[in-house]
Every structure is written in C-alpha cells, then in structure tokens.
Amino acid sequence: MHEAGSVERPGHPTAEVYLRVGAVLVILTVLEVGVFYVPAFRAVLVPVLLVLSAAKFTIVVMFYMHLKADSRFFTFLFGVPLLLAIGVMVALLFLFLGELTLKGAAAAG
C-alpha cells in the first residue's frame, strides 16, 4: 500500500554490487599504472589515461554518490563539468603538442 505523495525508489544496491564496483575500480587503476609503465603506450599515454580516469569518475559518481538512482538533473550537474574539463584538457594537449613540435623543428633546423 502506498501513501499519498510517496515516491517509489529503486532498492539500495547490495554489498555484492559495491564489491563488484570496487573490483572494477581496482582493475581500472591497475590498467592505468600498467599503461604508464609500458613503453608501447608512450604515444597515446595521456589520452588513454584520460579515458580511464573519466571511466573511474563515472563509476564512482554513479554508484558511490548514488546518481544512478537519482534525478537526471544531478547527472547533468556532474556530467557537464566533466565534459568541460575533458575539453580543456584536450585543448591544452593540442596546444602543448604544437609547442613541443615547433621547438623540435626549430632545434633540428
């Protein structure tokens, strides 16, 4: 029986869900550390680390901050700053990549 004005919410995640999410976060962290130490990833190091960090951010916000079961407005409040931060970081990467490339060309020529 529902009372008038009550809002039905999905059930709280179980401990098993939190352990699975924690395991995924540990795996992503191990991947981040592994990518950093593997020489083959030097060319794409920063973009790969950005993607892995964004994935971890999303998982933490969805499960540990309960945005998965909360209002879409709160998802918007966390998602838009994340997208802005990614845009700024990518712009800075291109800016500094251009500067490093020009310095290398000037030293060679």
C-alpha atoms as a PDB file:
ATOM      1  CA  MET A   1       0.000   0.000   0.000  1.00  0.00           C
ATOM      2  CA  HIS A   2       1.395   3.378  -0.997  1.00  0.00           C
ATOM      3  CA  GLU A   3       0.782   6.579   0.885  1.00  0.00           C
ATOM      4  CA  ALA A   4      -0.324   9.652  -0.999  1.00  0.00           C
ATOM      5  CA  GLY A   5       2.633  11.691  -2.221  1.00  0.00           C
ATOM      6  CA  SER A   6       5.188   8.919  -1.661  1.00  0.00           C
ATOM      7  CA  VAL A   7       7.779   8.320  -4.327  1.00  0.00           C
ATOM      8  CA  GLU A   8       8.830   4.783  -5.100  1.00  0.00           C
ATOM      9  CA  ARG A   9      12.586   4.449  -5.418  1.00  0.00           C
ATOM     10  CA  PRO A  10      14.641   1.538  -6.631  1.00  0.00           C
ATOM     11  CA  GLY A  11      16.223  -0.642  -3.964  1.00  0.00           C
ATOM     12  CA  HIS A  12      19.560   0.258  -2.426  1.00  0.00           C
ATOM     13  CA  PRO A  13      22.464  -1.655  -4.004  1.00  0.00           C
ATOM     14  CA  THR A  14      23.649  -4.679  -2.107  1.00  0.00           C
ATOM     15  CA  ALA A  15      27.126  -5.233  -0.696  1.00  0.00           C
ATOM     16  CA  GLU A  16      27.815  -7.537  -3.650  1.00  0.00           C
ATOM     17  CA  VAL A  17      27.217  -4.666  -6.081  1.00  0.00           C
ATOM     18  CA  TYR A  18      29.618  -2.426  -4.153  1.00  0.00           C
ATOM     19  CA  LEU A  19      32.262  -5.168  -4.137  1.00  0.00           C
ATOM     20  CA  ARG A  20      31.891  -5.635  -7.901  1.00  0.00           C
ATOM     21  CA  VAL A  21      32.166  -1.878  -8.469  1.00  0.00           C
ATOM     22  CA  GLY A  22      35.236  -1.777  -6.220  1.00  0.00           C
ATOM     23  CA  ALA A  23      36.785  -4.643  -8.196  1.00  0.00           C
ATOM     24  CA  VAL A  24      36.172  -2.766 -11.467  1.00  0.00           C
ATOM     25  CA  LEU A  25      37.803   0.338  -9.984  1.00  0.00           C
ATOM     26  CA  VAL A  26      40.824  -1.705  -8.891  1.00  0.00           C
ATOM     27  CA  ILE A  27      41.115  -3.194 -12.389  1.00  0.00           C
ATOM     28  CA  LEU A  28      40.937   0.269 -13.975  1.00  0.00           C
ATOM     29  CA  THR A  29      43.621   1.530 -11.577  1.00  0.00           C
ATOM     30  CA  VAL A  30      45.882  -1.413 -12.425  1.00  0.00           C
ATOM     31  CA  LEU A  31      45.336  -0.651 -16.123  1.00  0.00           C
ATOM     32  CA  GLU A  32      46.291   2.991 -15.533  1.00  0.00           C
ATOM     33  CA  VAL A  33      49.512   2.013 -13.784  1.00  0.00           C
ATOM     34  CA  GLY A  34      50.252  -0.615 -16.426  1.00  0.00           C
ATOM     35  CA  VAL A  35      49.710   1.819 -19.293  1.00  0.00           C
ATOM     36  CA  PHE A  36      52.116   4.254 -17.664  1.00  0.00           C
ATOM     37  CA  TYR A  37      54.939   1.697 -17.458  1.00  0.00           C
ATOM     38  CA  VAL A  38      54.515   0.042 -20.891  1.00  0.00           C
ATOM     39  CA  PRO A  39      56.753   1.812 -23.417  1.00  0.00           C
ATOM     40  CA  ALA A  40      54.457   0.918 -26.347  1.00  0.00           C
ATOM     41  CA  PHE A  41      51.774   3.249 -24.939  1.00  0.00           C
ATOM     42  CA  ARG A  42      54.011   6.374 -24.814  1.00  0.00           C
ATOM     43  CA  ALA A  43      52.459   7.818 -27.975  1.00  0.00           C
ATOM     44  CA  VAL A  44      48.905   7.598 -26.607  1.00  0.00           C
ATOM     45  CA  LEU A  45      49.625   7.769 -22.876  1.00  0.00           C
ATOM     46  CA  VAL A  46      47.691  10.893 -21.977  1.00  0.00           C
ATOM     47  CA  PRO A  47      44.515  10.158 -23.985  1.00  0.00           C
ATOM     48  CA  VAL A  48      44.358   6.606 -22.605  1.00  0.00           C
ATOM     49  CA  LEU A  49      44.820   7.856 -19.042  1.00  0.00           C
ATOM     50  CA  LEU A  50      42.117  10.495 -19.598  1.00  0.00           C
ATOM     51  CA  VAL A  51      39.648   7.871 -20.812  1.00  0.00           C
ATOM     52  CA  LEU A  52      40.413   5.549 -17.907  1.00  0.00           C
ATOM     53  CA  SER A  53      40.113   8.404 -15.404  1.00  0.00           C
ATOM     54  CA  ALA A  54      36.795   9.510 -16.900  1.00  0.00           C
ATOM     55  CA  ALA A  55      35.526   5.928 -16.650  1.00  0.00           C
ATOM     56  CA  LYS A  56      36.531   5.751 -12.987  1.00  0.00           C
ATOM     57  CA  PHE A  57      34.933   9.134 -12.298  1.00  0.00           C
ATOM     58  CA  THR A  58      31.703   7.996 -13.920  1.00  0.00           C
ATOM     59  CA  ILE A  59      31.585   4.738 -11.968  1.00  0.00           C
ATOM     60  CA  VAL A  60      32.272   6.450  -8.636  1.00  0.00           C
ATOM     61  CA  VAL A  61      29.639   9.115  -9.260  1.00  0.00           C
ATOM     62  CA  MET A  62      27.018   6.637 -10.463  1.00  0.00           C
ATOM     63  CA  PHE A  63      27.362   4.101  -7.670  1.00  0.00           C
ATOM     64  CA  TYR A  64      29.002   5.649  -4.614  1.00  0.00           C
ATOM     65  CA  MET A  65      27.254   9.003  -4.979  1.00  0.00           C
ATOM     66  CA  HIS A  66      24.011   7.231  -5.983  1.00  0.00           C
ATOM     67  CA  LEU A  67      23.417   9.256  -9.153  1.00  0.00           C
ATOM     68  CA  LYS A  68      22.323   6.118 -10.959  1.00  0.00           C
ATOM     69  CA  ALA A  69      19.092   6.120  -8.962  1.00  0.00           C
ATOM     70  CA  ASP A  70      18.804   9.889  -8.539  1.00  0.00           C
ATOM     71  CA  SER A  71      17.364  12.702 -10.604  1.00  0.00           C
ATOM     72  CA  ARG A  72      18.700  13.303 -14.124  1.00  0.00           C
ATOM     73  CA  PHE A  73      19.376  16.903 -13.099  1.00  0.00           C
ATOM     74  CA  PHE A  74      22.149  15.776 -10.752  1.00  0.00           C
ATOM     75  CA  THR A  75      23.635  13.628 -13.508  1.00  0.00           C
ATOM     76  CA  PHE A  76      23.660  16.769 -15.645  1.00  0.00           C
ATOM     77  CA  LEU A  77      25.386  18.732 -12.858  1.00  0.00           C
ATOM     78  CA  PHE A  78      28.227  16.200 -12.736  1.00  0.00           C
ATOM     79  CA  GLY A  79      28.365  15.380 -16.441  1.00  0.00           C
ATOM     80  CA  VAL A  80      28.670  18.882 -17.880  1.00  0.00           C
ATOM     81  CA  PRO A  81      31.721  19.877 -15.768  1.00  0.00           C
ATOM     82  CA  LEU A  82      33.353  16.564 -16.678  1.00  0.00           C
ATOM     83  CA  LEU A  83      32.836  17.261 -20.383  1.00  0.00           C
ATOM     84  CA  LEU A  84      34.149  20.811 -19.953  1.00  0.00           C
ATOM     85  CA  ALA A  85      37.229  19.552 -18.111  1.00  0.00           C
ATOM     86  CA  ILE A  86      37.899  16.978 -20.833  1.00  0.00           C
ATOM     87  CA  GLY A  87      37.545  19.679 -23.483  1.00  0.00           C
ATOM     88  CA  VAL A  88      40.000  21.955 -21.680  1.00  0.00           C
ATOM     89  CA  MET A  89      42.499  19.133 -21.199  1.00  0.00           C
ATOM     90  CA  VAL A  90      42.313  18.100 -24.847  1.00  0.00           C
ATOM     91  CA  ALA A  91      42.743  21.728 -25.949  1.00  0.00           C
ATOM     92  CA  LEU A  92      45.797  22.076 -23.679  1.00  0.00           C
ATOM     93  CA  LEU A  93      47.225  18.836 -25.034  1.00  0.00           C
ATOM     94  CA  PHE A  94      46.969  20.136 -28.590  1.00  0.00           C
ATOM     95  CA  LEU A  95      48.400  23.485 -27.548  1.00  0.00           C
ATOM     96  CA  PHE A  96      51.442  21.966 -25.852  1.00  0.00           C
ATOM     97  CA  LEU A  97      51.853  19.293 -28.524  1.00  0.00           C
ATOM     98  CA  GLY A  98      52.120  22.092 -31.084  1.00  0.00           C
ATOM     99  CA  GLU A  99      54.632  23.952 -28.909  1.00  0.00           C
ATOM    100  CA  LEU A 100      56.771  20.850 -28.439  1.00  0.00           C
ATOM    101  CA  THR A 101      56.636  20.076 -32.150  1.00  0.00           C
ATOM    102  CA  LEU A 102      57.703  23.615 -33.050  1.00  0.00           C
ATOM    103  CA  LYS A 103      60.589  23.514 -30.541  1.00  0.00           C
ATOM    104  CA  GLY A 104      61.749  20.232 -32.026  1.00  0.00           C
ATOM    105  CA  ALA A 105      61.571  21.630 -35.558  1.00  0.00           C
ATOM    106  CA  ALA A 106      63.494  24.769 -34.520  1.00  0.00           C
ATOM    107  CA  ALA A 107      66.238  22.723 -32.858  1.00  0.00           C
ATOM    108  CA  ALA A 108      66.585  20.479 -35.917  1.00  0.00           C
ATOM    109  CA  GLY A 109      66.632  23.367 -38.413  1.00  0.00           C
END
